[in-house]
Amino acid sequence: MHKLFRTYMNTIVIFGSVIFLLFAFQMTQIKLEFDMMKILVIGIMTITSAVIVLDYSEDKTISLYSTFIILALYFLQVQWVILIIFISDLLYKLELKYILKEHDKIFDVKLTFNIMSKVIIIGCIYLMDIFVANDLVFIILSCITYNILNALSVVWVIKLYNNDPKLKVLSGEMIIKEMFYLLMTTTLLIFAYKSYSYLGLIYVFIFLMSFVGYILKPVTHKEMLNQIYHDTLTGVRSRGLLDKYLFDKIYGRIPFTLLFIDFDDFKSINDLYGHDVGDSVLKEFSLKMKNEFELYDNLYRFGGDEFCVIVDESDDINKVLENLESILKTNVYKDKKVKFDYHVSFGKFRYNGENTMNVSDVIASVSYNMKAVKQKNKAL
């Protein structure tokens, strides 16, 4: 993680908060228009486009969310747009927490960053609206501004977190394609509403949502997400999901304990009995954990014969270790041809909420502790 990562995140939040306060002050000076039907229809569509993308992909940029934010800016006062964005992002986080169970906190810096980065973007678009009279020119400039600023904010989060300013995140071709997609969908919705009012807006909304689903489903369906987030051999959670969850914990400075489970001399099993038997041992181990270990949902395959368990602060780590040791005290693999014992070792590392650590530091620390345990066991 680059030393400027948190500074960048906080700068966006502060800058967005200033713009938010300016709009709030403006609200006291200018009377807000209250067209309940328009606010409700556009709000529901924007919120739906933000949340429903979870059925297809974790990447919100390929949904209609950006399209509906610009649509809302075209027809509604900016204060209503900010409210819609806040509700949309909040519901997205609620779905992540209570349905996908990926986040511990609802109101955290990441939520604030997402909202405030959009506030900065709509602040820039709002300024253009003051000086640009032509509708089509405004739509084009809005789409270009939104796409570029949104891409830059996301790209630099990734670059700084990975501590690699030269990391290539988005290609020019990808940005142009997204900009074209945003321009076409936004223009279609705006002129549908102008020509056929709410009925035209609803028809086009239904068409576009179906179209997005049709395009995204073959390549980002939940089954593919399941393959990405779960290990194909054992069925437990994947290394990629472990990194993602650890990032959320560490960024939120939420204390936890990471347990490392490593097979002792697993190479000899592969050498003596073959890799097929070795794979069967890993699958049997995972099944045993699923049937007997209460924290199975927090079990991840780190790689090879190594597994991790994230233990939350609310759980008694000593009790968890006792349960693990009792479950894994006697391990016997048996099939029609072979029968043998296998053993595992445990390592642990407690993250206390230090702001100087990142995912790599935590992994390195628990790996070091695991090696120390293995050396101790060998000495005995």
Protein backbone atom coordinates (compact mmCIF):
# COMPACT_ATOMS: atom_id res chain seq x y z
CA MET A 1 0.00 0.00 0.00
CA HIS A 2 1.43 3.40 -1.00
CA LYS A 3 1.95 5.92 1.80
CA LEU A 4 -0.38 8.36 -0.03
CA PHE A 5 -3.26 5.85 -0.30
CA ARG A 6 -5.18 7.03 2.76
CA THR A 7 -4.31 10.66 2.01
CA TYR A 8 -5.85 10.28 -1.45
CA MET A 9 -9.00 8.64 -0.06
CA ASN A 10 -9.40 11.31 2.63
CA THR A 11 -8.79 14.14 0.13
CA ILE A 12 -11.63 12.90 -2.07
CA VAL A 13 -13.91 12.65 0.97
CA ILE A 14 -13.02 16.17 2.18
CA PHE A 15 -13.33 17.75 -1.27
CA GLY A 16 -16.66 16.00 -1.86
CA SER A 17 -17.89 17.11 1.57
CA VAL A 18 -17.12 20.74 0.71
CA ILE A 19 -19.15 20.47 -2.52
CA PHE A 20 -21.92 18.72 -0.60
CA LEU A 21 -22.05 21.56 1.94
CA LEU A 22 -22.16 24.14 -0.87
CA PHE A 23 -25.18 22.38 -2.37
CA ALA A 24 -26.76 22.15 1.09
CA PHE A 25 -26.25 25.90 1.56
CA GLN A 26 -27.71 26.54 -1.87
CA MET A 27 -30.79 24.58 -0.80
CA THR A 28 -31.44 27.19 1.90
CA GLN A 29 -31.24 29.97 -0.69
CA ILE A 30 -33.18 28.39 -3.56
CA LYS A 31 -36.47 26.59 -3.13
CA LEU A 32 -36.28 22.93 -4.10
CA GLU A 33 -38.72 21.79 -6.78
CA PHE A 34 -40.80 18.92 -5.52
CA ASP A 35 -42.09 16.75 -8.36
CA MET A 36 -42.76 13.57 -6.42
CA MET A 37 -43.56 11.45 -9.49
CA LYS A 38 -40.37 12.42 -11.32
CA ILE A 39 -38.18 11.99 -8.22
CA LEU A 40 -39.75 8.62 -7.43
CA VAL A 41 -39.52 7.14 -10.93
CA ILE A 42 -35.95 8.28 -11.64
CA GLY A 43 -34.89 7.41 -8.08
CA ILE A 44 -36.26 3.87 -8.27
CA MET A 45 -34.56 3.29 -11.62
CA THR A 46 -31.21 4.63 -10.38
CA ILE A 47 -31.33 2.58 -7.18
CA THR A 48 -32.38 -0.54 -9.08
CA SER A 49 -29.55 -0.17 -11.57
CA ALA A 50 -27.05 0.16 -8.72
CA VAL A 51 -28.25 -2.89 -6.78
CA ILE A 52 -29.30 -5.32 -9.52
CA VAL A 53 -25.78 -5.42 -10.99
CA LEU A 54 -24.84 -7.79 -8.14
CA ASP A 55 -26.81 -10.45 -10.00
CA TYR A 56 -24.28 -10.25 -12.81
CA SER A 57 -21.04 -8.62 -11.72
CA GLU A 58 -19.19 -6.97 -8.85
CA ASP A 59 -18.15 -4.16 -11.19
CA LYS A 60 -20.75 -1.38 -11.02
CA THR A 61 -19.22 0.50 -13.93
CA ILE A 62 -20.83 -1.88 -16.42
CA SER A 63 -24.32 -1.34 -15.05
CA LEU A 64 -26.73 1.46 -15.87
CA TYR A 65 -25.94 3.23 -12.60
CA SER A 66 -23.81 5.94 -14.22
CA THR A 67 -26.42 6.40 -16.94
CA PHE A 68 -29.20 7.06 -14.45
CA ILE A 69 -27.08 9.46 -12.40
CA ILE A 70 -26.65 11.64 -15.51
CA LEU A 71 -30.34 11.20 -16.35
CA ALA A 72 -31.23 12.35 -12.83
CA LEU A 73 -28.93 15.35 -13.17
CA TYR A 74 -30.64 16.30 -16.43
CA PHE A 75 -34.16 16.29 -14.97
CA LEU A 76 -33.76 16.85 -11.21
CA GLN A 77 -32.09 19.41 -8.99
CA VAL A 78 -28.67 18.31 -7.84
CA GLN A 79 -29.73 17.96 -4.17
CA TRP A 80 -32.20 15.21 -5.13
CA VAL A 81 -29.49 13.48 -7.15
CA ILE A 82 -27.16 13.41 -4.12
CA LEU A 83 -29.94 11.88 -2.02
CA ILE A 84 -30.56 9.21 -4.67
CA ILE A 85 -26.82 8.42 -4.86
CA PHE A 86 -26.63 8.09 -1.07
CA ILE A 87 -29.59 5.67 -0.97
CA SER A 88 -28.24 3.67 -3.93
CA ASP A 89 -24.76 3.20 -2.47
CA LEU A 90 -26.19 2.44 0.97
CA LEU A 91 -28.48 -0.27 -0.38
CA TYR A 92 -25.58 -1.70 -2.37
CA LYS A 93 -23.53 -1.98 0.84
CA LEU A 94 -26.50 -3.52 2.68
CA GLU A 95 -26.79 -6.17 0.00
CA LEU A 96 -23.06 -6.90 0.22
CA LYS A 97 -23.26 -7.24 4.00
CA TYR A 98 -26.49 -9.16 4.54
CA ILE A 99 -26.80 -11.18 1.32
CA LEU A 100 -23.23 -11.77 0.15
CA LYS A 101 -21.87 -11.33 3.71
CA GLU A 102 -18.68 -9.61 2.54
CA HIS A 103 -18.55 -6.51 4.72
CA ASP A 104 -18.55 -5.90 8.46
CA LYS A 105 -19.44 -2.23 8.43
CA ILE A 106 -22.14 -0.35 6.55
CA PHE A 107 -20.96 3.19 7.20
CA ASP A 108 -17.24 3.18 6.56
CA VAL A 109 -14.70 5.28 4.65
CA LYS A 110 -15.24 3.26 1.48
CA LEU A 111 -18.95 4.12 1.41
CA THR A 112 -18.14 7.77 2.06
CA PHE A 113 -15.46 7.73 -0.65
CA ASN A 114 -17.86 6.23 -3.22
CA ILE A 115 -20.53 8.81 -2.46
CA MET A 116 -18.22 11.81 -2.29
CA SER A 117 -16.36 10.90 -5.48
CA LYS A 118 -19.73 10.97 -7.26
CA VAL A 119 -20.60 14.27 -5.55
CA ILE A 120 -17.39 15.77 -7.02
CA ILE A 121 -18.34 14.47 -10.48
CA ILE A 122 -21.89 15.81 -10.37
CA GLY A 123 -20.51 19.11 -9.04
CA CYS A 124 -18.42 19.40 -12.21
CA ILE A 125 -21.40 18.47 -14.40
CA TYR A 126 -23.56 20.99 -12.53
CA LEU A 127 -21.09 23.75 -13.43
CA MET A 128 -21.29 22.74 -17.10
CA ASP A 129 -25.07 22.94 -16.96
CA ILE A 130 -24.77 26.64 -16.06
CA PHE A 131 -22.72 27.47 -19.16
CA VAL A 132 -23.98 24.97 -21.76
CA ALA A 133 -27.41 25.66 -23.23
CA ASN A 134 -27.62 23.01 -25.96
CA ASP A 135 -29.12 19.73 -24.69
CA LEU A 136 -27.10 17.38 -26.87
CA VAL A 137 -23.82 19.16 -26.10
CA PHE A 138 -24.61 18.98 -22.38
CA ILE A 139 -25.36 15.24 -22.59
CA ILE A 140 -22.12 14.55 -24.47
CA LEU A 141 -19.98 16.65 -22.12
CA SER A 142 -21.70 15.09 -19.08
CA CYS A 143 -20.94 11.56 -20.27
CA ILE A 144 -17.32 12.42 -21.08
CA THR A 145 -16.80 14.17 -17.73
CA TYR A 146 -18.46 11.41 -15.70
CA ASN A 147 -16.58 8.63 -17.45
CA ILE A 148 -13.13 10.24 -17.19
CA LEU A 149 -13.42 11.42 -13.58
CA ASN A 150 -14.96 8.13 -12.42
CA ALA A 151 -12.22 6.13 -14.18
CA LEU A 152 -9.47 8.31 -12.69
CA SER A 153 -10.81 8.03 -9.14
CA VAL A 154 -11.03 4.22 -9.34
CA VAL A 155 -7.71 3.78 -11.17
CA TRP A 156 -5.75 5.73 -8.57
CA VAL A 157 -7.32 3.84 -5.70
CA ILE A 158 -6.06 0.61 -7.28
CA LYS A 159 -2.64 2.02 -8.17
CA LEU A 160 -1.98 3.46 -4.71
CA TYR A 161 -3.29 0.40 -2.89
CA ASN A 162 -1.00 -1.85 -4.92
CA ASN A 163 1.85 0.67 -4.45
CA ASP A 164 2.44 0.66 -8.19
CA PRO A 165 1.78 4.02 -9.92
CA LYS A 166 2.67 2.41 -13.27
CA LEU A 167 0.12 -0.40 -12.91
CA LYS A 168 -2.12 -0.60 -15.99
CA VAL A 169 -5.74 -0.77 -14.83
CA LEU A 170 -7.80 0.54 -17.74
CA SER A 171 -6.91 0.72 -21.41
CA GLY A 172 -7.86 3.60 -23.67
CA GLU A 173 -10.08 1.22 -25.63
CA MET A 174 -12.01 0.25 -22.49
CA ILE A 175 -12.58 3.90 -21.54
CA ILE A 176 -13.83 4.77 -25.05
CA LYS A 177 -16.21 1.78 -25.11
CA GLU A 178 -17.64 2.65 -21.69
CA MET A 179 -18.01 6.29 -22.74
CA PHE A 180 -19.87 5.27 -25.91
CA TYR A 181 -22.12 2.93 -23.90
CA LEU A 182 -22.85 5.68 -21.38
CA LEU A 183 -23.59 8.24 -24.10
CA MET A 184 -25.95 5.97 -26.06
CA THR A 185 -27.97 4.79 -23.07
CA THR A 186 -28.23 8.26 -21.53
CA THR A 187 -29.31 9.90 -24.79
CA LEU A 188 -31.91 7.18 -25.41
CA LEU A 189 -33.45 7.57 -21.94
CA ILE A 190 -33.52 11.38 -22.03
CA PHE A 191 -35.23 11.59 -25.41
CA ALA A 192 -37.59 8.73 -24.53
CA TYR A 193 -38.77 10.73 -21.54
CA LYS A 194 -39.04 13.94 -23.54
CA SER A 195 -41.10 12.22 -26.25
CA TYR A 196 -43.27 9.82 -24.23
CA SER A 197 -42.97 11.00 -20.63
CA TYR A 198 -42.87 8.35 -17.87
CA LEU A 199 -44.27 5.62 -20.10
CA GLY A 200 -41.38 5.98 -22.58
CA LEU A 201 -38.85 6.11 -19.74
CA ILE A 202 -40.20 2.92 -18.17
CA TYR A 203 -40.29 1.03 -21.49
CA VAL A 204 -36.71 1.98 -22.33
CA PHE A 205 -35.62 1.17 -18.76
CA ILE A 206 -37.10 -2.34 -19.02
CA PHE A 207 -35.50 -2.82 -22.43
CA LEU A 208 -32.06 -1.65 -21.27
CA MET A 209 -32.10 -3.73 -18.08
CA SER A 210 -32.98 -6.80 -20.13
CA PHE A 211 -30.31 -5.91 -22.66
CA VAL A 212 -27.66 -5.46 -19.96
CA GLY A 213 -28.65 -8.79 -18.46
CA TYR A 214 -28.49 -10.49 -21.84
CA ILE A 215 -25.01 -9.12 -22.53
CA LEU A 216 -23.56 -9.71 -19.08
CA LYS A 217 -25.11 -13.04 -18.16
CA PRO A 218 -22.94 -15.30 -20.36
CA VAL A 219 -19.70 -13.80 -19.06
CA THR A 220 -20.42 -12.64 -15.52
CA HIS A 221 -23.21 -14.87 -14.29
CA LYS A 222 -23.34 -15.88 -10.66
CA GLU A 223 -22.07 -19.34 -11.55
CA MET A 224 -18.87 -17.75 -12.89
CA LEU A 225 -18.61 -15.58 -9.79
CA ASN A 226 -19.00 -18.72 -7.72
CA GLN A 227 -16.07 -20.27 -9.60
CA ILE A 228 -13.98 -17.16 -9.02
CA TYR A 229 -14.81 -16.85 -5.32
CA HIS A 230 -14.71 -20.55 -4.49
CA ASP A 231 -11.91 -23.05 -4.93
CA THR A 232 -12.89 -25.52 -7.67
CA LEU A 233 -11.26 -28.53 -6.00
CA THR A 234 -12.40 -28.20 -2.39
CA GLY A 235 -15.40 -25.87 -2.64
CA VAL A 236 -14.13 -23.55 0.12
CA ARG A 237 -13.59 -19.84 -0.45
CA SER A 238 -10.79 -18.82 -2.79
CA ARG A 239 -7.53 -16.94 -2.26
CA GLY A 240 -8.92 -14.00 -4.24
CA LEU A 241 -11.87 -13.67 -1.88
CA LEU A 242 -9.52 -13.99 1.10
CA ASP A 243 -7.48 -11.01 -0.15
CA LYS A 244 -10.64 -9.00 -0.74
CA TYR A 245 -12.03 -9.73 2.72
CA LEU A 246 -8.70 -9.02 4.43
CA PHE A 247 -8.51 -5.70 2.57
CA ASP A 248 -11.96 -4.72 3.87
CA LYS A 249 -10.95 -5.63 7.43
CA ILE A 250 -7.58 -3.88 7.32
CA TYR A 251 -8.86 -0.78 5.55
CA GLY A 252 -11.62 -0.49 8.14
CA ARG A 253 -9.05 -1.18 10.90
CA ILE A 254 -11.25 -4.00 12.23
CA PRO A 255 -9.30 -6.35 14.53
CA PHE A 256 -9.31 -10.07 13.67
CA THR A 257 -7.17 -13.18 13.94
CA LEU A 258 -5.96 -15.05 10.88
CA LEU A 259 -5.39 -18.78 11.36
CA PHE A 260 -3.12 -20.63 8.96
CA ILE A 261 -3.65 -24.39 8.52
CA ASP A 262 -0.86 -26.23 6.77
CA PHE A 263 -0.48 -29.98 6.09
CA ASP A 264 2.71 -31.53 7.40
CA ASP A 265 4.88 -33.02 4.66
CA PHE A 266 2.04 -33.06 2.13
CA LYS A 267 4.59 -33.53 -0.66
CA SER A 268 5.25 -37.06 0.55
CA ILE A 269 1.57 -37.94 0.05
CA ASN A 270 1.74 -36.82 -3.58
CA ASP A 271 5.05 -38.58 -4.09
CA LEU A 272 3.98 -41.89 -2.51
CA TYR A 273 0.35 -42.14 -3.62
CA GLY A 274 -0.01 -39.72 -6.53
CA HIS A 275 -1.63 -36.31 -7.00
CA ASP A 276 -5.11 -37.83 -7.38
CA VAL A 277 -4.90 -39.15 -3.83
CA GLY A 278 -3.46 -35.82 -2.66
CA ASP A 279 -6.47 -34.01 -4.18
CA SER A 280 -8.80 -36.50 -2.49
CA VAL A 281 -7.16 -35.79 0.87
CA LEU A 282 -7.75 -32.04 0.42
CA LYS A 283 -11.39 -32.64 -0.55
CA GLU A 284 -11.93 -34.97 2.41
CA PHE A 285 -10.33 -32.42 4.75
CA SER A 286 -12.64 -29.68 3.43
CA LEU A 287 -15.69 -31.92 3.83
CA LYS A 288 -14.66 -32.73 7.39
CA MET A 289 -14.33 -29.04 8.17
CA LYS A 290 -17.72 -28.34 6.60
CA ASN A 291 -19.45 -31.00 8.68
CA GLU A 292 -17.79 -30.27 12.01
CA PHE A 293 -16.28 -26.77 12.09
CA GLU A 294 -18.67 -23.95 12.95
CA LEU A 295 -16.54 -21.31 11.17
CA TYR A 296 -16.46 -23.21 7.87
CA ASP A 297 -17.91 -20.16 6.06
CA ASN A 298 -14.71 -18.32 7.00
CA LEU A 299 -12.45 -21.06 5.60
CA TYR A 300 -10.31 -20.17 2.57
CA ARG A 301 -7.89 -22.20 0.49
CA PHE A 302 -4.72 -20.15 0.40
CA GLY A 303 -3.00 -22.43 -2.09
CA GLY A 304 -1.80 -26.02 -2.40
CA ASP A 305 -2.23 -27.68 1.01
CA GLU A 306 -2.60 -24.39 2.90
CA PHE A 307 -5.89 -23.05 4.28
CA CYS A 308 -6.84 -19.93 6.24
CA VAL A 309 -9.60 -19.09 8.70
CA ILE A 310 -10.58 -15.51 9.54
CA VAL A 311 -11.71 -15.31 13.17
CA ASP A 312 -13.66 -12.19 14.06
CA GLU A 313 -13.05 -10.26 17.26
CA SER A 314 -16.39 -11.46 18.65
CA ASP A 315 -15.26 -15.10 18.52
CA ASP A 316 -13.11 -16.71 21.23
CA ILE A 317 -9.88 -17.56 19.44
CA ASN A 318 -8.83 -20.08 22.09
CA LYS A 319 -12.13 -21.92 21.76
CA VAL A 320 -11.80 -21.90 17.97
CA LEU A 321 -8.32 -23.42 18.23
CA GLU A 322 -9.55 -26.04 20.69
CA ASN A 323 -12.36 -27.00 18.30
CA LEU A 324 -9.94 -27.19 15.38
CA GLU A 325 -7.47 -29.32 17.29
CA SER A 326 -10.19 -31.72 18.45
CA ILE A 327 -11.59 -32.02 14.92
CA LEU A 328 -8.17 -32.54 13.33
CA LYS A 329 -6.57 -34.62 16.11
CA THR A 330 -7.07 -37.89 14.25
CA ASN A 331 -6.89 -37.68 10.47
CA VAL A 332 -7.05 -40.90 8.53
CA TYR A 333 -7.47 -41.05 4.79
CA LYS A 334 -8.84 -44.31 3.44
CA ASP A 335 -10.02 -45.50 0.05
CA LYS A 336 -10.14 -48.87 -1.69
CA LYS A 337 -6.38 -49.00 -2.25
CA VAL A 338 -4.61 -47.01 0.50
CA LYS A 339 -4.92 -45.98 4.12
CA PHE A 340 -2.65 -43.54 5.97
CA ASP A 341 -2.60 -40.82 8.62
CA TYR A 342 -1.97 -37.17 7.87
CA HIS A 343 -1.26 -34.24 10.16
CA VAL A 344 -1.75 -30.47 10.08
CA SER A 345 -0.15 -27.55 11.91
CA PHE A 346 -1.68 -24.22 12.95
CA GLY A 347 -0.23 -20.75 12.87
CA LYS A 348 -1.99 -17.56 13.90
CA PHE A 349 -1.60 -13.80 13.72
CA ARG A 350 -3.78 -11.19 15.38
CA TYR A 351 -4.35 -7.91 13.57
CA ASN A 352 -5.07 -5.20 16.13
CA GLY A 353 -6.10 -2.43 13.74
CA GLU A 354 -2.66 -1.01 12.95
CA ASN A 355 -2.77 1.55 10.15
CA THR A 356 0.73 0.63 9.00
CA MET A 357 -0.15 -2.89 7.83
CA ASN A 358 -1.63 -4.16 4.57
CA VAL A 359 -2.78 -7.57 3.32
CA SER A 360 0.74 -8.66 2.35
CA ASP A 361 2.05 -7.79 5.83
CA VAL A 362 -0.63 -9.88 7.52
CA ILE A 363 -0.02 -12.86 5.22
CA ALA A 364 3.74 -12.60 5.77
CA SER A 365 3.29 -12.45 9.57
CA VAL A 366 1.00 -15.47 9.80
CA SER A 367 3.27 -17.42 7.43
CA TYR A 368 6.27 -16.62 9.65
CA ASN A 369 4.38 -17.81 12.73
CA MET A 370 3.37 -20.99 10.91
CA LYS A 371 6.99 -21.78 10.05
CA ALA A 372 7.96 -21.25 13.68
CA VAL A 373 5.28 -23.74 14.80
CA LYS A 374 6.44 -26.31 12.25
CA GLN A 375 10.07 -26.00 13.35
CA LYS A 376 8.98 -26.42 16.96
CA ASN A 377 6.97 -29.55 16.08
CA LYS A 378 9.95 -31.03 14.22
CA ALA A 379 12.20 -30.38 17.20
CA LEU A 380 9.79 -32.31 19.41
